[in-house]
ModelCIF file with pLDDT and N, C-alpha, C, O atoms, coordinates in Angstrom:
data_MODEL
#
_entry.id   MODEL 
#
_entity.id                         1 
_entity.type                       polymer 
_entity.pdbx_number_of_molecules   1 
#
_entity_poly.entity_id                      1 
_entity_poly.type                           'polypeptide(L)' 
_entity_poly.nstd_linkage                   no 
_entity_poly.nstd_monomer                   no 
_entity_poly.pdbx_seq_one_letter_code       SPFAGLELLSSAVVLVDDELIVRYLNPGAENLFAASSRKIVGYSLR 
_entity_poly.pdbx_seq_one_letter_code_can   SPFAGLELLSSAVVLVDDELIVRYLNPGAENLFAASSRKIVGYSLR 
_entity_poly.pdbx_strand_id                 A 
#
loop_
_entity_poly_seq.entity_id 
_entity_poly_seq.num 
_entity_poly_seq.mon_id 
_entity_poly_seq.hetero 
1 1  SER n 
1 2  PRO n 
1 3  PHE n 
1 4  ALA n 
1 5  GLY n 
1 6  LEU n 
1 7  GLU n 
1 8  LEU n 
1 9  LEU n 
1 10 SER n 
1 11 SER n 
1 12 ALA n 
1 13 VAL n 
1 14 VAL n 
1 15 LEU n 
1 16 VAL n 
1 17 ASP n 
1 18 ASP n 
1 19 GLU n 
1 20 LEU n 
1 21 ILE n 
1 22 VAL n 
1 23 ARG n 
1 24 TYR n 
1 25 LEU n 
1 26 ASN n 
1 27 PRO n 
1 28 GLY n 
1 29 ALA n 
1 30 GLU n 
1 31 ASN n 
1 32 LEU n 
1 33 PHE n 
1 34 ALA n 
1 35 ALA n 
1 36 SER n 
1 37 SER n 
1 38 ARG n 
1 39 LYS n 
1 40 ILE n 
1 41 VAL n 
1 42 GLY n 
1 43 TYR n 
1 44 SER n 
1 45 LEU n 
1 46 ARG n 
#
_struct_asym.id          A 
_struct_asym.entity_id   1 
#
loop_
_ma_qa_metric.id 
_ma_qa_metric.mode 
_ma_qa_metric.name 
_ma_qa_metric.software_group_id 
_ma_qa_metric.type 
1 global pLDDT . pLDDT 
2 local  pLDDT . pLDDT 
#
_ma_qa_metric_global.metric_id      1 
_ma_qa_metric_global.metric_value   84.15 
_ma_qa_metric_global.model_id       1 
_ma_qa_metric_global.ordinal_id     1 
#
loop_
_ma_qa_metric_local.label_asym_id 
_ma_qa_metric_local.label_comp_id 
_ma_qa_metric_local.label_seq_id 
_ma_qa_metric_local.metric_id 
_ma_qa_metric_local.metric_value 
_ma_qa_metric_local.model_id 
_ma_qa_metric_local.ordinal_id 
A SER 1  2 55.00 1 1  
A PRO 2  2 59.00 1 2  
A PHE 3  2 64.00 1 3  
A ALA 4  2 62.00 1 4  
A GLY 5  2 69.00 1 5  
A LEU 6  2 77.00 1 6  
A GLU 7  2 76.00 1 7  
A LEU 8  2 70.00 1 8  
A LEU 9  2 75.00 1 9  
A SER 10 2 71.00 1 10 
A SER 11 2 80.00 1 11 
A ALA 12 2 89.00 1 12 
A VAL 13 2 91.00 1 13 
A VAL 14 2 92.00 1 14 
A LEU 15 2 92.00 1 15 
A VAL 16 2 91.00 1 16 
A ASP 17 2 90.00 1 17 
A ASP 18 2 87.00 1 18 
A GLU 19 2 89.00 1 19 
A LEU 20 2 91.00 1 20 
A ILE 21 2 92.00 1 21 
A VAL 22 2 92.00 1 22 
A ARG 23 2 91.00 1 23 
A TYR 24 2 91.00 1 24 
A LEU 25 2 90.00 1 25 
A ASN 26 2 89.00 1 26 
A PRO 27 2 87.00 1 27 
A GLY 28 2 86.00 1 28 
A ALA 29 2 89.00 1 29 
A GLU 30 2 89.00 1 30 
A ASN 31 2 86.00 1 31 
A LEU 32 2 85.00 1 32 
A PHE 33 2 87.00 1 33 
A ALA 34 2 84.00 1 34 
A ALA 35 2 86.00 1 35 
A SER 36 2 86.00 1 36 
A SER 37 2 86.00 1 37 
A ARG 38 2 87.00 1 38 
A LYS 39 2 89.00 1 39 
A ILE 40 2 90.00 1 40 
A VAL 41 2 91.00 1 41 
A GLY 42 2 90.00 1 42 
A TYR 43 2 90.00 1 43 
A SER 44 2 90.00 1 44 
A LEU 45 2 90.00 1 45 
A ARG 46 2 88.00 1 46 
#
loop_
_atom_site.group_PDB 
_atom_site.id 
_atom_site.type_symbol 
_atom_site.label_atom_id 
_atom_site.label_alt_id 
_atom_site.label_comp_id 
_atom_site.label_asym_id 
_atom_site.label_entity_id 
_atom_site.label_seq_id 
_atom_site.pdbx_PDB_ins_code 
_atom_site.Cartn_x 
_atom_site.Cartn_y 
_atom_site.Cartn_z 
_atom_site.occupancy 
_atom_site.B_iso_or_equiv 
_atom_site.pdbx_formal_charge 
_atom_site.auth_seq_id 
_atom_site.auth_comp_id 
_atom_site.auth_asym_id 
_atom_site.auth_atom_id 
_atom_site.pdbx_PDB_model_num 
ATOM 1   N N  . SER A 1 1  ? -1.308 4.142  -12.191 1.00 55.00 ? 1  SER A N  1 
ATOM 2   C CA . SER A 1 1  ? -0.451 5.079  -11.479 1.00 55.00 ? 1  SER A CA 1 
ATOM 3   C C  . SER A 1 1  ? 0.794  5.370  -12.308 1.00 55.00 ? 1  SER A C  1 
ATOM 4   O O  . SER A 1 1  ? 1.382  4.447  -12.871 1.00 55.00 ? 1  SER A O  1 
ATOM 5   N N  . PRO A 1 2  ? 1.212  6.641  -12.395 1.00 59.00 ? 2  PRO A N  1 
ATOM 6   C CA . PRO A 1 2  ? 2.418  6.957  -13.158 1.00 59.00 ? 2  PRO A CA 1 
ATOM 7   C C  . PRO A 1 2  ? 3.678  6.348  -12.555 1.00 59.00 ? 2  PRO A C  1 
ATOM 8   O O  . PRO A 1 2  ? 4.721  6.302  -13.207 1.00 59.00 ? 2  PRO A O  1 
ATOM 9   N N  . PHE A 1 3  ? 3.584  5.881  -11.312 1.00 64.00 ? 3  PHE A N  1 
ATOM 10  C CA . PHE A 1 3  ? 4.751  5.305  -10.634 1.00 64.00 ? 3  PHE A CA 1 
ATOM 11  C C  . PHE A 1 3  ? 4.626  3.793  -10.465 1.00 64.00 ? 3  PHE A C  1 
ATOM 12  O O  . PHE A 1 3  ? 5.380  3.190  -9.701  1.00 64.00 ? 3  PHE A O  1 
ATOM 13  N N  . ALA A 1 4  ? 3.677  3.177  -11.175 1.00 62.00 ? 4  ALA A N  1 
ATOM 14  C CA . ALA A 1 4  ? 3.402  1.756  -10.956 1.00 62.00 ? 4  ALA A CA 1 
ATOM 15  C C  . ALA A 1 4  ? 4.637  0.886  -11.173 1.00 62.00 ? 4  ALA A C  1 
ATOM 16  O O  . ALA A 1 4  ? 4.861  -0.061 -10.420 1.00 62.00 ? 4  ALA A O  1 
ATOM 17  N N  . GLY A 1 5  ? 5.435  1.191  -12.184 1.00 69.00 ? 5  GLY A N  1 
ATOM 18  C CA . GLY A 1 5  ? 6.606  0.372  -12.472 1.00 69.00 ? 5  GLY A CA 1 
ATOM 19  C C  . GLY A 1 5  ? 7.640  0.383  -11.368 1.00 69.00 ? 5  GLY A C  1 
ATOM 20  O O  . GLY A 1 5  ? 8.405  -0.571 -11.228 1.00 69.00 ? 5  GLY A O  1 
ATOM 21  N N  . LEU A 1 6  ? 7.677  1.459  -10.573 1.00 77.00 ? 6  LEU A N  1 
ATOM 22  C CA . LEU A 1 6  ? 8.673  1.556  -9.502  1.00 77.00 ? 6  LEU A CA 1 
ATOM 23  C C  . LEU A 1 6  ? 8.381  0.590  -8.362  1.00 77.00 ? 6  LEU A C  1 
ATOM 24  O O  . LEU A 1 6  ? 9.279  0.271  -7.583  1.00 77.00 ? 6  LEU A O  1 
ATOM 25  N N  . GLU A 1 7  ? 7.148  0.122  -8.249  1.00 76.00 ? 7  GLU A N  1 
ATOM 26  C CA . GLU A 1 7  ? 6.801  -0.795 -7.170  1.00 76.00 ? 7  GLU A CA 1 
ATOM 27  C C  . GLU A 1 7  ? 7.498  -2.139 -7.318  1.00 76.00 ? 7  GLU A C  1 
ATOM 28  O O  . GLU A 1 7  ? 7.635  -2.878 -6.343  1.00 76.00 ? 7  GLU A O  1 
ATOM 29  N N  . LEU A 1 8  ? 7.938  -2.460 -8.532  1.00 70.00 ? 8  LEU A N  1 
ATOM 30  C CA . LEU A 1 8  ? 8.569  -3.749 -8.783  1.00 70.00 ? 8  LEU A CA 1 
ATOM 31  C C  . LEU A 1 8  ? 10.063 -3.748 -8.486  1.00 70.00 ? 8  LEU A C  1 
ATOM 32  O O  . LEU A 1 8  ? 10.692 -4.805 -8.462  1.00 70.00 ? 8  LEU A O  1 
ATOM 33  N N  . LEU A 1 9  ? 10.636 -2.561 -8.258  1.00 75.00 ? 9  LEU A N  1 
ATOM 34  C CA . LEU A 1 9  ? 12.075 -2.471 -8.017  1.00 75.00 ? 9  LEU A CA 1 
ATOM 35  C C  . LEU A 1 9  ? 12.421 -2.955 -6.617  1.00 75.00 ? 9  LEU A C  1 
ATOM 36  O O  . LEU A 1 9  ? 11.680 -2.718 -5.663  1.00 75.00 ? 9  LEU A O  1 
ATOM 37  N N  . SER A 1 10 ? 13.558 -3.639 -6.508  1.00 71.00 ? 10 SER A N  1 
ATOM 38  C CA . SER A 1 10 ? 14.001 -4.105 -5.193  1.00 71.00 ? 10 SER A CA 1 
ATOM 39  C C  . SER A 1 10 ? 14.654 -2.985 -4.390  1.00 71.00 ? 10 SER A C  1 
ATOM 40  O O  . SER A 1 10 ? 14.676 -3.038 -3.160  1.00 71.00 ? 10 SER A O  1 
ATOM 41  N N  . SER A 1 11 ? 15.178 -1.987 -5.066  1.00 80.00 ? 11 SER A N  1 
ATOM 42  C CA . SER A 1 11 ? 15.821 -0.878 -4.365  1.00 80.00 ? 11 SER A CA 1 
ATOM 43  C C  . SER A 1 11 ? 14.771 0.106  -3.862  1.00 80.00 ? 11 SER A C  1 
ATOM 44  O O  . SER A 1 11 ? 13.624 0.094  -4.307  1.00 80.00 ? 11 SER A O  1 
ATOM 45  N N  . ALA A 1 12 ? 15.185 0.954  -2.932  1.00 89.00 ? 12 ALA A N  1 
ATOM 46  C CA . ALA A 1 12 ? 14.289 1.952  -2.350  1.00 89.00 ? 12 ALA A CA 1 
ATOM 47  C C  . ALA A 1 12 ? 14.269 3.194  -3.236  1.00 89.00 ? 12 ALA A C  1 
ATOM 48  O O  . ALA A 1 12 ? 15.318 3.771  -3.524  1.00 89.00 ? 12 ALA A O  1 
ATOM 49  N N  . VAL A 1 13 ? 13.084 3.603  -3.667  1.00 91.00 ? 13 VAL A N  1 
ATOM 50  C CA . VAL A 1 13 ? 12.936 4.752  -4.567  1.00 91.00 ? 13 VAL A CA 1 
ATOM 51  C C  . VAL A 1 13 ? 12.005 5.780  -3.923  1.00 91.00 ? 13 VAL A C  1 
ATOM 52  O O  . VAL A 1 13 ? 10.927 5.445  -3.432  1.00 91.00 ? 13 VAL A O  1 
ATOM 53  N N  . VAL A 1 14 ? 12.451 7.045  -3.939  1.00 92.00 ? 14 VAL A N  1 
ATOM 54  C CA . VAL A 1 14 ? 11.662 8.161  -3.416  1.00 92.00 ? 14 VAL A CA 1 
ATOM 55  C C  . VAL A 1 14 ? 11.603 9.238  -4.487  1.00 92.00 ? 14 VAL A C  1 
ATOM 56  O O  . VAL A 1 14 ? 12.625 9.561  -5.092  1.00 92.00 ? 14 VAL A O  1 
ATOM 57  N N  . LEU A 1 15 ? 10.430 9.795  -4.729  1.00 92.00 ? 15 LEU A N  1 
ATOM 58  C CA . LEU A 1 15 ? 10.260 10.898 -5.678  1.00 92.00 ? 15 LEU A CA 1 
ATOM 59  C C  . LEU A 1 15 ? 9.884  12.151 -4.918  1.00 92.00 ? 15 LEU A C  1 
ATOM 60  O O  . LEU A 1 15 ? 9.014  12.122 -4.048  1.00 92.00 ? 15 LEU A O  1 
ATOM 61  N N  . VAL A 1 16 ? 10.547 13.264 -5.248  1.00 91.00 ? 16 VAL A N  1 
ATOM 62  C CA . VAL A 1 16 ? 10.268 14.549 -4.608  1.00 91.00 ? 16 VAL A CA 1 
ATOM 63  C C  . VAL A 1 16 ? 10.050 15.609 -5.672  1.00 91.00 ? 16 VAL A C  1 
ATOM 64  O O  . VAL A 1 16 ? 10.448 15.441 -6.825  1.00 91.00 ? 16 VAL A O  1 
ATOM 65  N N  . ASP A 1 17 ? 9.405  16.717 -5.270  1.00 90.00 ? 17 ASP A N  1 
ATOM 66  C CA . ASP A 1 17 ? 9.177  17.819 -6.208  1.00 90.00 ? 17 ASP A CA 1 
ATOM 67  C C  . ASP A 1 17 ? 10.244 18.890 -6.033  1.00 90.00 ? 17 ASP A C  1 
ATOM 68  O O  . ASP A 1 17 ? 11.241 18.678 -5.343  1.00 90.00 ? 17 ASP A O  1 
ATOM 69  N N  . ASP A 1 18 ? 10.028 20.041 -6.665  1.00 87.00 ? 18 ASP A N  1 
ATOM 70  C CA . ASP A 1 18 ? 11.020 21.118 -6.606  1.00 87.00 ? 18 ASP A CA 1 
ATOM 71  C C  . ASP A 1 18 ? 11.283 21.613 -5.192  1.00 87.00 ? 18 ASP A C  1 
ATOM 72  O O  . ASP A 1 18 ? 12.376 22.095 -4.896  1.00 87.00 ? 18 ASP A O  1 
ATOM 73  N N  . GLU A 1 19 ? 10.299 21.498 -4.327  1.00 89.00 ? 19 GLU A N  1 
ATOM 74  C CA . GLU A 1 19 ? 10.447 21.973 -2.958  1.00 89.00 ? 19 GLU A CA 1 
ATOM 75  C C  . GLU A 1 19 ? 10.936 20.868 -2.019  1.00 89.00 ? 19 GLU A C  1 
ATOM 76  O O  . GLU A 1 19 ? 10.924 21.027 -0.799  1.00 89.00 ? 19 GLU A O  1 
ATOM 77  N N  . LEU A 1 20 ? 11.363 19.752 -2.602  1.00 91.00 ? 20 LEU A N  1 
ATOM 78  C CA . LEU A 1 20 ? 11.823 18.577 -1.850  1.00 91.00 ? 20 LEU A CA 1 
ATOM 79  C C  . LEU A 1 20 ? 10.725 18.029 -0.944  1.00 91.00 ? 20 LEU A C  1 
ATOM 80  O O  . LEU A 1 20 ? 10.978 17.568 0.169   1.00 91.00 ? 20 LEU A O  1 
ATOM 81  N N  . ILE A 1 21 ? 9.498  18.096 -1.459  1.00 92.00 ? 21 ILE A N  1 
ATOM 82  C CA . ILE A 1 21 ? 8.362  17.461 -0.791  1.00 92.00 ? 21 ILE A CA 1 
ATOM 83  C C  . ILE A 1 21 ? 8.203  16.057 -1.382  1.00 92.00 ? 21 ILE A C  1 
ATOM 84  O O  . ILE A 1 21 ? 8.209  15.885 -2.601  1.00 92.00 ? 21 ILE A O  1 
ATOM 85  N N  . VAL A 1 22 ? 8.064  15.079 -0.527  1.00 92.00 ? 22 VAL A N  1 
ATOM 86  C CA . VAL A 1 22 ? 7.953  13.692 -0.989  1.00 92.00 ? 22 VAL A CA 1 
ATOM 87  C C  . VAL A 1 22 ? 6.610  13.482 -1.689  1.00 92.00 ? 22 VAL A C  1 
ATOM 88  O O  . VAL A 1 22 ? 5.556  13.808 -1.145  1.00 92.00 ? 22 VAL A O  1 
ATOM 89  N N  . ARG A 1 23 ? 6.667  12.932 -2.903  1.00 91.00 ? 23 ARG A N  1 
ATOM 90  C CA . ARG A 1 23 ? 5.457  12.661 -3.672  1.00 91.00 ? 23 ARG A CA 1 
ATOM 91  C C  . ARG A 1 23 ? 5.168  11.166 -3.820  1.00 91.00 ? 23 ARG A C  1 
ATOM 92  O O  . ARG A 1 23 ? 4.054  10.764 -4.156  1.00 91.00 ? 23 ARG A O  1 
ATOM 93  N N  . TYR A 1 24 ? 6.193  10.357 -3.562  1.00 91.00 ? 24 TYR A N  1 
ATOM 94  C CA . TYR A 1 24 ? 5.976  8.903  -3.726  1.00 91.00 ? 24 TYR A CA 1 
ATOM 95  C C  . TYR A 1 24 ? 7.105  8.137  -3.051  1.00 91.00 ? 24 TYR A C  1 
ATOM 96  O O  . TYR A 1 24 ? 8.264  8.548  -3.092  1.00 91.00 ? 24 TYR A O  1 
ATOM 97  N N  . LEU A 1 25 ? 6.744  6.999  -2.419  1.00 90.00 ? 25 LEU A N  1 
ATOM 98  C CA . LEU A 1 25 ? 7.700  6.000  -1.926  1.00 90.00 ? 25 LEU A CA 1 
ATOM 99  C C  . LEU A 1 25 ? 7.273  4.650  -2.478  1.00 90.00 ? 25 LEU A C  1 
ATOM 100 O O  . LEU A 1 25 ? 6.093  4.302  -2.437  1.00 90.00 ? 25 LEU A O  1 
ATOM 101 N N  . ASN A 1 26 ? 8.228  3.892  -2.994  1.00 89.00 ? 26 ASN A N  1 
ATOM 102 C CA . ASN A 1 26 ? 7.869  2.544  -3.420  1.00 89.00 ? 26 ASN A CA 1 
ATOM 103 C C  . ASN A 1 26 ? 7.960  1.602  -2.211  1.00 89.00 ? 26 ASN A C  1 
ATOM 104 O O  . ASN A 1 26 ? 8.505  1.989  -1.177  1.00 89.00 ? 26 ASN A O  1 
ATOM 105 N N  . PRO A 1 27 ? 7.435  0.373  -2.323  1.00 87.00 ? 27 PRO A N  1 
ATOM 106 C CA . PRO A 1 27 ? 7.483  -0.552 -1.179  1.00 87.00 ? 27 PRO A CA 1 
ATOM 107 C C  . PRO A 1 27 ? 8.889  -0.804 -0.647  1.00 87.00 ? 27 PRO A C  1 
ATOM 108 O O  . PRO A 1 27 ? 9.081  -1.012 0.551   1.00 87.00 ? 27 PRO A O  1 
ATOM 109 N N  . GLY A 1 28 ? 9.884  -0.783 -1.561  1.00 86.00 ? 28 GLY A N  1 
ATOM 110 C CA . GLY A 1 28 ? 11.260 -0.968 -1.100  1.00 86.00 ? 28 GLY A CA 1 
ATOM 111 C C  . GLY A 1 28 ? 11.696 0.131  -0.156  1.00 86.00 ? 28 GLY A C  1 
ATOM 112 O O  . GLY A 1 28 ? 12.416 -0.129 0.808   1.00 86.00 ? 28 GLY A O  1 
ATOM 113 N N  . ALA A 1 29 ? 11.265 1.374  -0.421  1.00 89.00 ? 29 ALA A N  1 
ATOM 114 C CA . ALA A 1 29 ? 11.608 2.494  0.456   1.00 89.00 ? 29 ALA A CA 1 
ATOM 115 C C  . ALA A 1 29 ? 10.864 2.390  1.779   1.00 89.00 ? 29 ALA A C  1 
ATOM 116 O O  . ALA A 1 29 ? 11.425 2.679  2.836   1.00 89.00 ? 29 ALA A O  1 
ATOM 117 N N  . GLU A 1 30 ? 9.600  1.978  1.723   1.00 89.00 ? 30 GLU A N  1 
ATOM 118 C CA . GLU A 1 30 ? 8.852  1.810  2.970   1.00 89.00 ? 30 GLU A CA 1 
ATOM 119 C C  . GLU A 1 30 ? 9.524  0.783  3.868   1.00 89.00 ? 30 GLU A C  1 
ATOM 120 O O  . GLU A 1 30 ? 9.606  0.963  5.084   1.00 89.00 ? 30 GLU A O  1 
ATOM 121 N N  . ASN A 1 31 ? 10.004 -0.292 3.259   1.00 86.00 ? 31 ASN A N  1 
ATOM 122 C CA . ASN A 1 31 ? 10.656 -1.342 4.035   1.00 86.00 ? 31 ASN A CA 1 
ATOM 123 C C  . ASN A 1 31 ? 12.005 -0.876 4.584   1.00 86.00 ? 31 ASN A C  1 
ATOM 124 O O  . ASN A 1 31 ? 12.321 -1.122 5.748   1.00 86.00 ? 31 ASN A O  1 
ATOM 125 N N  . LEU A 1 32 ? 12.795 -0.208 3.753   1.00 85.00 ? 32 LEU A N  1 
ATOM 126 C CA . LEU A 1 32 ? 14.132 0.234  4.171   1.00 85.00 ? 32 LEU A CA 1 
ATOM 127 C C  . LEU A 1 32 ? 14.060 1.241  5.306   1.00 85.00 ? 32 LEU A C  1 
ATOM 128 O O  . LEU A 1 32 ? 14.806 1.144  6.281   1.00 85.00 ? 32 LEU A O  1 
ATOM 129 N N  . PHE A 1 33 ? 13.156 2.216  5.176   1.00 87.00 ? 33 PHE A N  1 
ATOM 130 C CA . PHE A 1 33 ? 13.089 3.298  6.169   1.00 87.00 ? 33 PHE A CA 1 
ATOM 131 C C  . PHE A 1 33 ? 12.060 3.028  7.260   1.00 87.00 ? 33 PHE A C  1 
ATOM 132 O O  . PHE A 1 33 ? 11.873 3.853  8.155   1.00 87.00 ? 33 PHE A O  1 
ATOM 133 N N  . ALA A 1 34 ? 11.387 1.869  7.192   1.00 84.00 ? 34 ALA A N  1 
ATOM 134 C CA . ALA A 1 34 ? 10.361 1.522  8.184   1.00 84.00 ? 34 ALA A CA 1 
ATOM 135 C C  . ALA A 1 34 ? 9.347  2.650  8.321   1.00 84.00 ? 34 ALA A C  1 
ATOM 136 O O  . ALA A 1 34 ? 9.028  3.085  9.428   1.00 84.00 ? 34 ALA A O  1 
ATOM 137 N N  . ALA A 1 35 ? 8.843  3.118  7.176   1.00 86.00 ? 35 ALA A N  1 
ATOM 138 C CA . ALA A 1 35 ? 7.897  4.237  7.150   1.00 86.00 ? 35 ALA A CA 1 
ATOM 139 C C  . ALA A 1 35 ? 6.828  3.956  6.105   1.00 86.00 ? 35 ALA A C  1 
ATOM 140 O O  . ALA A 1 35 ? 7.108  3.362  5.064   1.00 86.00 ? 35 ALA A O  1 
ATOM 141 N N  . SER A 1 36 ? 5.608  4.383  6.384   1.00 86.00 ? 36 SER A N  1 
ATOM 142 C CA . SER A 1 36 ? 4.518  4.178  5.436   1.00 86.00 ? 36 SER A CA 1 
ATOM 143 C C  . SER A 1 36 ? 4.335  5.424  4.577   1.00 86.00 ? 36 SER A C  1 
ATOM 144 O O  . SER A 1 36 ? 4.579  6.542  5.030   1.00 86.00 ? 36 SER A O  1 
ATOM 145 N N  . SER A 1 37 ? 3.906  5.222  3.343   1.00 86.00 ? 37 SER A N  1 
ATOM 146 C CA . SER A 1 37 ? 3.659  6.349  2.435   1.00 86.00 ? 37 SER A CA 1 
ATOM 147 C C  . SER A 1 37 ? 2.658  7.323  3.019   1.00 86.00 ? 37 SER A C  1 
ATOM 148 O O  . SER A 1 37 ? 2.785  8.535  2.840   1.00 86.00 ? 37 SER A O  1 
ATOM 149 N N  . ARG A 1 38 ? 1.667  6.803  3.716   1.00 87.00 ? 38 ARG A N  1 
ATOM 150 C CA . ARG A 1 38 ? 0.615  7.661  4.265   1.00 87.00 ? 38 ARG A CA 1 
ATOM 151 C C  . ARG A 1 38 ? 1.167  8.716  5.219   1.00 87.00 ? 38 ARG A C  1 
ATOM 152 O O  . ARG A 1 38 ? 0.616  9.812  5.314   1.00 87.00 ? 38 ARG A O  1 
ATOM 153 N N  . LYS A 1 39 ? 2.258  8.393  5.930   1.00 89.00 ? 39 LYS A N  1 
ATOM 154 C CA . LYS A 1 39 ? 2.824  9.327  6.897   1.00 89.00 ? 39 LYS A CA 1 
ATOM 155 C C  . LYS A 1 39 ? 3.958  10.176 6.333   1.00 89.00 ? 39 LYS A C  1 
ATOM 156 O O  . LYS A 1 39 ? 4.444  11.087 7.002   1.00 89.00 ? 39 LYS A O  1 
ATOM 157 N N  . ILE A 1 40 ? 4.385  9.878  5.094   1.00 90.00 ? 40 ILE A N  1 
ATOM 158 C CA . ILE A 1 40 ? 5.534  10.581 4.535   1.00 90.00 ? 40 ILE A CA 1 
ATOM 159 C C  . ILE A 1 40 ? 5.161  11.438 3.319   1.00 90.00 ? 40 ILE A C  1 
ATOM 160 O O  . ILE A 1 40 ? 5.619  12.574 3.195   1.00 90.00 ? 40 ILE A O  1 
ATOM 161 N N  . VAL A 1 41 ? 4.332  10.894 2.426   1.00 91.00 ? 41 VAL A N  1 
ATOM 162 C CA . VAL A 1 41 ? 3.973  11.621 1.204   1.00 91.00 ? 41 VAL A CA 1 
ATOM 163 C C  . VAL A 1 41 ? 3.262  12.918 1.574   1.00 91.00 ? 41 VAL A C  1 
ATOM 164 O O  . VAL A 1 41 ? 2.340  12.930 2.389   1.00 91.00 ? 41 VAL A O  1 
ATOM 165 N N  . GLY A 1 42 ? 3.718  14.021 0.950   1.00 90.00 ? 42 GLY A N  1 
ATOM 166 C CA . GLY A 1 42 ? 3.164  15.341 1.238   1.00 90.00 ? 42 GLY A CA 1 
ATOM 167 C C  . GLY A 1 42 ? 3.962  16.121 2.255   1.00 90.00 ? 42 GLY A C  1 
ATOM 168 O O  . GLY A 1 42 ? 3.663  17.283 2.531   1.00 90.00 ? 42 GLY A O  1 
ATOM 169 N N  . TYR A 1 43 ? 4.986  15.483 2.817   1.00 90.00 ? 43 TYR A N  1 
ATOM 170 C CA . TYR A 1 43 ? 5.834  16.155 3.800   1.00 90.00 ? 43 TYR A CA 1 
ATOM 171 C C  . TYR A 1 43 ? 7.255  16.317 3.254   1.00 90.00 ? 43 TYR A C  1 
ATOM 172 O O  . TYR A 1 43 ? 7.628  15.702 2.255   1.00 90.00 ? 43 TYR A O  1 
ATOM 173 N N  . SER A 1 44 ? 8.033  17.155 3.932   1.00 90.00 ? 44 SER A N  1 
ATOM 174 C CA . SER A 1 44 ? 9.404  17.405 3.515   1.00 90.00 ? 44 SER A CA 1 
ATOM 175 C C  . SER A 1 44 ? 10.237 16.126 3.576   1.00 90.00 ? 44 SER A C  1 
ATOM 176 O O  . SER A 1 44 ? 9.988  15.246 4.399   1.00 90.00 ? 44 SER A O  1 
ATOM 177 N N  . LEU A 1 45 ? 11.227 16.039 2.692   1.00 90.00 ? 45 LEU A N  1 
ATOM 178 C CA . LEU A 1 45 ? 12.127 14.897 2.670   1.00 90.00 ? 45 LEU A CA 1 
ATOM 179 C C  . LEU A 1 45 ? 12.848 14.728 4.009   1.00 90.00 ? 45 LEU A C  1 
ATOM 180 O O  . LEU A 1 45 ? 13.257 13.624 4.368   1.00 90.00 ? 45 LEU A O  1 
ATOM 181 N N  . ARG A 1 46 ? 13.000 15.840 4.745   1.00 88.00 ? 46 ARG A N  1 
ATOM 182 C CA . ARG A 1 46 ? 13.676 15.755 6.050   1.00 88.00 ? 46 ARG A CA 1 
ATOM 183 C C  . ARG A 1 46 ? 12.931 14.823 7.007   1.00 88.00 ? 46 ARG A C  1 
ATOM 184 O O  . ARG A 1 46 ? 13.360 14.635 8.145   1.00 88.00 ? 46 ARG A O  1 
#
């Protein structure tokens, strides 16, 4: 995965595209926001 290294970070990391659509959440972000990637990736950052 091009984002594999981000999974090791303790901080919450979110990647978005030009349209501010979420393309990736690392485990730290899932834990911080109490949200799973499956329900967030592909949707607006809002």
